[in-house]
């Protein structure tokens, strides 16, 4: 089977290549409908990401619901793939934070 021949596949490829990936994080975090009181946010990024500037990611810390912005040293655009040994413990800490309700 050729997945590119599947009905709708060309739409997905075009969407990926045209980068219409939806709202930016800044748009989501500033949206009045975003549940800032009940939805804590931790942001992570790789400091070697060639596409997303670190300054832009760090600026997300200005939003009240963003509790942490964590840069992974010498990691690129996909920290969860490149450095799961760094990401997974942080993810577990975040889940514990959510479960306990404390900051």
N, C-alpha and C. Protein backbone atom coordinates (compact mmCIF):
# COMPACT_ATOMS: atom_id res chain seq x y z
N UNK A 1 0.84 -1.19 0.00
CA UNK A 1 0.00 0.00 0.00
C UNK A 1 0.88 1.25 0.00
N UNK A 2 0.49 2.23 -0.77
CA UNK A 2 1.22 3.49 -0.84
C UNK A 2 0.42 4.56 -0.10
N UNK A 3 0.92 4.96 1.06
CA UNK A 3 0.17 5.91 1.88
C UNK A 3 -0.03 7.25 1.20
N UNK A 4 0.86 7.63 0.28
CA UNK A 4 0.69 8.90 -0.42
C UNK A 4 -0.47 8.86 -1.41
N UNK A 5 -0.93 7.66 -1.74
CA UNK A 5 -2.05 7.53 -2.66
C UNK A 5 -3.39 7.46 -1.92
N UNK A 6 -3.34 7.45 -0.60
CA UNK A 6 -4.55 7.42 0.21
C UNK A 6 -5.32 8.72 0.04
N UNK A 7 -6.63 8.66 -0.11
CA UNK A 7 -7.40 9.90 -0.21
C UNK A 7 -7.11 10.83 0.97
N UNK A 8 -6.83 12.08 0.67
CA UNK A 8 -6.54 13.08 1.70
C UNK A 8 -5.06 13.22 2.02
N UNK A 9 -4.23 12.27 1.56
CA UNK A 9 -2.80 12.32 1.87
C UNK A 9 -2.15 13.59 1.34
N UNK A 10 -2.57 14.01 0.13
CA UNK A 10 -1.96 15.22 -0.43
C UNK A 10 -2.26 16.45 0.42
N UNK A 11 -3.44 16.48 1.04
CA UNK A 11 -3.78 17.60 1.93
C UNK A 11 -2.84 17.64 3.13
N UNK A 12 -2.54 16.48 3.68
CA UNK A 12 -1.65 16.41 4.84
C UNK A 12 -0.24 16.84 4.46
N UNK A 13 0.25 16.35 3.33
CA UNK A 13 1.59 16.73 2.88
C UNK A 13 1.65 18.24 2.63
N UNK A 14 0.67 18.80 1.97
CA UNK A 14 0.64 20.23 1.70
C UNK A 14 0.61 21.02 3.01
N UNK A 15 -0.21 20.59 3.95
CA UNK A 15 -0.31 21.27 5.25
C UNK A 15 1.04 21.25 5.96
N UNK A 16 1.72 20.11 5.93
CA UNK A 16 3.02 20.00 6.57
C UNK A 16 4.04 20.91 5.91
N UNK A 17 4.07 20.92 4.60
CA UNK A 17 5.06 21.72 3.88
C UNK A 17 4.76 23.21 3.93
N UNK A 18 3.50 23.57 4.08
CA UNK A 18 3.15 25.00 4.12
C UNK A 18 3.16 25.54 5.55
N UNK A 19 3.39 24.68 6.52
CA UNK A 19 3.49 25.04 7.93
C UNK A 19 2.27 25.82 8.42
N UNK A 20 1.11 25.29 8.16
CA UNK A 20 -0.10 25.88 8.74
C UNK A 20 -0.47 25.03 9.95
N UNK A 21 0.42 25.02 10.91
CA UNK A 21 0.31 24.12 12.06
C UNK A 21 -0.60 24.63 13.16
N UNK A 22 -1.39 25.63 12.88
CA UNK A 22 -2.31 26.13 13.89
C UNK A 22 -1.76 27.34 14.60
N UNK A 23 -2.40 27.71 15.70
CA UNK A 23 -2.00 28.92 16.41
C UNK A 23 -0.62 28.78 17.05
N UNK A 24 0.05 29.91 17.17
CA UNK A 24 1.34 29.95 17.84
C UNK A 24 1.13 29.87 19.35
N UNK A 25 2.14 29.44 20.10
CA UNK A 25 1.99 29.38 21.56
C UNK A 25 1.57 30.72 22.16
N UNK A 26 2.12 31.82 21.63
CA UNK A 26 1.76 33.14 22.15
C UNK A 26 0.27 33.41 21.97
N UNK A 27 -0.27 32.97 20.84
CA UNK A 27 -1.70 33.15 20.59
C UNK A 27 -2.54 32.30 21.54
N UNK A 28 -2.12 31.08 21.77
CA UNK A 28 -2.86 30.22 22.67
C UNK A 28 -2.83 30.73 24.10
N UNK A 29 -1.65 31.13 24.58
CA UNK A 29 -1.50 31.55 25.97
C UNK A 29 -2.16 32.90 26.25
N UNK A 30 -2.36 33.71 25.22
CA UNK A 30 -3.00 35.01 25.42
C UNK A 30 -4.49 34.99 25.08
N UNK A 31 -4.97 33.87 24.62
CA UNK A 31 -6.39 33.73 24.27
C UNK A 31 -7.23 33.80 25.55
N UNK A 32 -8.22 34.68 25.62
CA UNK A 32 -9.06 34.79 26.81
C UNK A 32 -9.75 33.47 27.18
N UNK A 33 -9.90 32.58 26.21
CA UNK A 33 -10.54 31.29 26.49
C UNK A 33 -9.57 30.29 27.14
N UNK A 34 -8.27 30.60 27.15
CA UNK A 34 -7.30 29.67 27.74
C UNK A 34 -7.49 29.65 29.25
N UNK A 35 -7.60 28.47 29.85
CA UNK A 35 -7.87 28.36 31.29
C UNK A 35 -6.62 28.61 32.14
N UNK A 36 -6.18 29.85 32.22
CA UNK A 36 -4.92 30.18 32.89
C UNK A 36 -4.89 29.78 34.37
N UNK A 37 -6.02 29.81 35.03
CA UNK A 37 -6.05 29.48 36.46
C UNK A 37 -5.94 27.98 36.71
N UNK A 38 -6.44 27.19 35.80
CA UNK A 38 -6.50 25.74 36.03
C UNK A 38 -5.58 24.93 35.13
N UNK A 39 -4.75 25.61 34.35
CA UNK A 39 -3.93 24.89 33.37
C UNK A 39 -2.47 25.35 33.44
N UNK A 40 -1.69 24.80 34.37
CA UNK A 40 -0.28 25.19 34.44
C UNK A 40 0.46 24.73 33.19
N UNK A 41 1.48 25.50 32.82
CA UNK A 41 2.24 25.21 31.60
C UNK A 41 3.73 25.19 31.94
N UNK A 42 4.39 24.16 31.49
CA UNK A 42 5.85 24.10 31.51
C UNK A 42 6.28 24.04 30.06
N UNK A 43 7.26 24.85 29.69
CA UNK A 43 7.73 24.93 28.31
C UNK A 43 9.18 24.42 28.28
N UNK A 44 9.49 23.59 27.29
CA UNK A 44 10.85 23.12 27.13
C UNK A 44 11.31 23.37 25.69
N UNK A 45 12.60 23.45 25.53
CA UNK A 45 13.16 23.60 24.18
C UNK A 45 14.63 23.21 24.21
N UNK A 46 15.15 22.89 23.04
CA UNK A 46 16.57 22.62 22.90
C UNK A 46 17.30 23.89 22.54
N UNK A 47 18.39 24.17 23.23
CA UNK A 47 19.11 25.43 22.96
C UNK A 47 19.85 25.42 21.62
N UNK A 48 19.86 24.29 20.94
CA UNK A 48 20.46 24.20 19.61
C UNK A 48 19.40 24.06 18.52
N UNK A 49 18.16 24.39 18.85
CA UNK A 49 17.07 24.31 17.89
C UNK A 49 17.33 25.32 16.77
N UNK A 50 17.44 24.85 15.52
CA UNK A 50 17.73 25.78 14.42
C UNK A 50 16.52 26.58 13.95
N UNK A 51 15.31 26.22 14.38
CA UNK A 51 14.11 26.87 13.87
C UNK A 51 13.41 27.76 14.88
N UNK A 52 13.53 27.46 16.15
CA UNK A 52 12.81 28.22 17.16
C UNK A 52 13.83 28.95 18.04
N UNK A 53 13.91 30.26 17.91
CA UNK A 53 14.89 31.03 18.70
C UNK A 53 14.63 30.93 20.20
N UNK A 54 15.67 30.69 20.96
CA UNK A 54 15.56 30.57 22.41
C UNK A 54 14.93 31.79 23.06
N UNK A 55 15.24 32.98 22.57
CA UNK A 55 14.67 34.20 23.15
C UNK A 55 13.15 34.19 23.02
N UNK A 56 12.66 33.69 21.91
CA UNK A 56 11.21 33.63 21.71
C UNK A 56 10.58 32.65 22.70
N UNK A 57 11.22 31.51 22.90
CA UNK A 57 10.70 30.52 23.84
C UNK A 57 10.76 31.07 25.27
N UNK A 58 11.87 31.67 25.64
CA UNK A 58 12.01 32.23 26.98
C UNK A 58 10.95 33.30 27.25
N UNK A 59 10.57 34.05 26.22
CA UNK A 59 9.56 35.10 26.38
C UNK A 59 8.19 34.53 26.78
N UNK A 60 7.97 33.24 26.56
CA UNK A 60 6.69 32.64 26.96
C UNK A 60 6.54 32.66 28.48
N UNK A 61 7.64 32.81 29.19
CA UNK A 61 7.59 32.88 30.64
C UNK A 61 6.84 34.08 31.18
N UNK A 62 6.52 35.04 30.34
CA UNK A 62 5.78 36.23 30.79
C UNK A 62 4.31 35.94 31.04
N UNK A 63 3.82 34.83 30.50
CA UNK A 63 2.40 34.49 30.69
C UNK A 63 2.21 33.88 32.08
N UNK A 64 1.19 34.34 32.80
CA UNK A 64 0.99 33.90 34.19
C UNK A 64 0.90 32.39 34.38
N UNK A 65 0.36 31.67 33.43
CA UNK A 65 0.20 30.22 33.59
C UNK A 65 1.49 29.45 33.34
N UNK A 66 2.49 30.12 32.75
CA UNK A 66 3.76 29.43 32.47
C UNK A 66 4.60 29.45 33.74
N UNK A 67 4.75 28.27 34.32
CA UNK A 67 5.48 28.14 35.58
C UNK A 67 6.98 27.94 35.37
N UNK A 68 7.34 27.29 34.27
CA UNK A 68 8.75 27.01 34.00
C UNK A 68 9.01 27.10 32.50
N UNK A 69 10.21 27.58 32.18
CA UNK A 69 10.74 27.47 30.82
C UNK A 69 12.11 26.82 30.98
N UNK A 70 12.27 25.65 30.40
CA UNK A 70 13.48 24.86 30.58
C UNK A 70 14.18 24.67 29.24
N UNK A 71 15.44 25.10 29.20
CA UNK A 71 16.28 24.90 28.00
C UNK A 71 17.14 23.66 28.23
N UNK A 72 17.15 22.77 27.25
CA UNK A 72 18.01 21.61 27.30
C UNK A 72 19.28 21.91 26.52
N UNK A 73 20.40 21.86 27.22
CA UNK A 73 21.70 22.21 26.63
C UNK A 73 22.11 21.20 25.56
N UNK A 74 22.57 21.74 24.44
CA UNK A 74 23.09 20.95 23.32
C UNK A 74 22.04 20.00 22.72
N UNK A 75 20.79 20.42 22.76
CA UNK A 75 19.69 19.64 22.20
C UNK A 75 19.01 20.50 21.13
N UNK A 76 18.52 19.84 20.09
CA UNK A 76 17.92 20.56 18.97
C UNK A 76 16.42 20.70 19.06
N UNK A 77 15.74 20.59 17.93
CA UNK A 77 14.33 20.89 17.80
C UNK A 77 13.40 19.87 18.46
N UNK A 78 13.83 18.65 18.63
CA UNK A 78 12.96 17.59 19.17
C UNK A 78 13.57 16.98 20.43
N UNK A 79 13.56 17.71 21.54
CA UNK A 79 14.18 17.18 22.76
C UNK A 79 13.65 15.82 23.18
N UNK A 80 12.36 15.59 22.99
CA UNK A 80 11.79 14.31 23.41
C UNK A 80 12.39 13.15 22.63
N UNK A 81 12.83 13.38 21.40
CA UNK A 81 13.49 12.34 20.61
C UNK A 81 14.99 12.31 20.86
N UNK A 82 15.60 13.50 20.95
CA UNK A 82 17.05 13.60 21.04
C UNK A 82 17.59 13.33 22.44
N UNK A 83 16.82 13.68 23.45
CA UNK A 83 17.32 13.56 24.82
C UNK A 83 16.21 13.12 25.78
N UNK A 84 15.63 11.96 25.54
CA UNK A 84 14.55 11.51 26.44
C UNK A 84 15.02 11.37 27.89
N UNK A 85 16.30 11.15 28.08
CA UNK A 85 16.82 11.04 29.45
C UNK A 85 16.72 12.37 30.20
N UNK A 86 16.61 13.48 29.48
CA UNK A 86 16.41 14.79 30.11
C UNK A 86 14.92 15.14 30.17
N UNK A 87 14.21 14.82 29.12
CA UNK A 87 12.80 15.20 29.02
C UNK A 87 11.91 14.36 29.94
N UNK A 88 12.12 13.06 29.96
CA UNK A 88 11.22 12.19 30.71
C UNK A 88 11.16 12.49 32.20
N UNK A 89 12.29 12.72 32.89
CA UNK A 89 12.19 13.08 34.31
C UNK A 89 11.42 14.39 34.53
N UNK A 90 11.61 15.35 33.63
CA UNK A 90 10.87 16.61 33.76
C UNK A 90 9.38 16.39 33.54
N UNK A 91 9.05 15.56 32.58
CA UNK A 91 7.66 15.23 32.32
C UNK A 91 7.03 14.54 33.53
N UNK A 92 7.76 13.63 34.14
CA UNK A 92 7.25 12.96 35.35
C UNK A 92 7.06 13.97 36.49
N UNK A 93 8.00 14.91 36.64
CA UNK A 93 7.85 15.96 37.65
C UNK A 93 6.61 16.80 37.39
N UNK A 94 6.36 17.12 36.12
CA UNK A 94 5.18 17.90 35.77
C UNK A 94 3.91 17.14 36.13
N UNK A 95 3.88 15.87 35.81
CA UNK A 95 2.69 15.06 36.13
C UNK A 95 2.47 14.98 37.64
N UNK A 96 3.56 14.86 38.40
CA UNK A 96 3.44 14.87 39.87
C UNK A 96 2.90 16.22 40.34
N UNK A 97 3.37 17.30 39.73
CA UNK A 97 2.91 18.64 40.09
C UNK A 97 1.42 18.76 39.82
N UNK A 98 0.95 18.24 38.69
CA UNK A 98 -0.46 18.29 38.35
C UNK A 98 -1.28 17.46 39.34
N UNK A 99 -0.77 16.28 39.64
CA UNK A 99 -1.48 15.39 40.56
C UNK A 99 -1.59 15.99 41.96
N UNK A 100 -0.52 16.64 42.42
CA UNK A 100 -0.52 17.19 43.78
C UNK A 100 -1.23 18.53 43.87
N UNK A 101 -1.28 19.26 42.76
CA UNK A 101 -1.89 20.58 42.75
C UNK A 101 -1.01 21.67 43.30
N UNK A 102 0.25 21.35 43.64
CA UNK A 102 1.16 22.36 44.16
C UNK A 102 2.12 22.80 43.08
N UNK A 103 2.74 23.96 43.28
CA UNK A 103 3.68 24.48 42.27
C UNK A 103 5.07 24.01 42.53
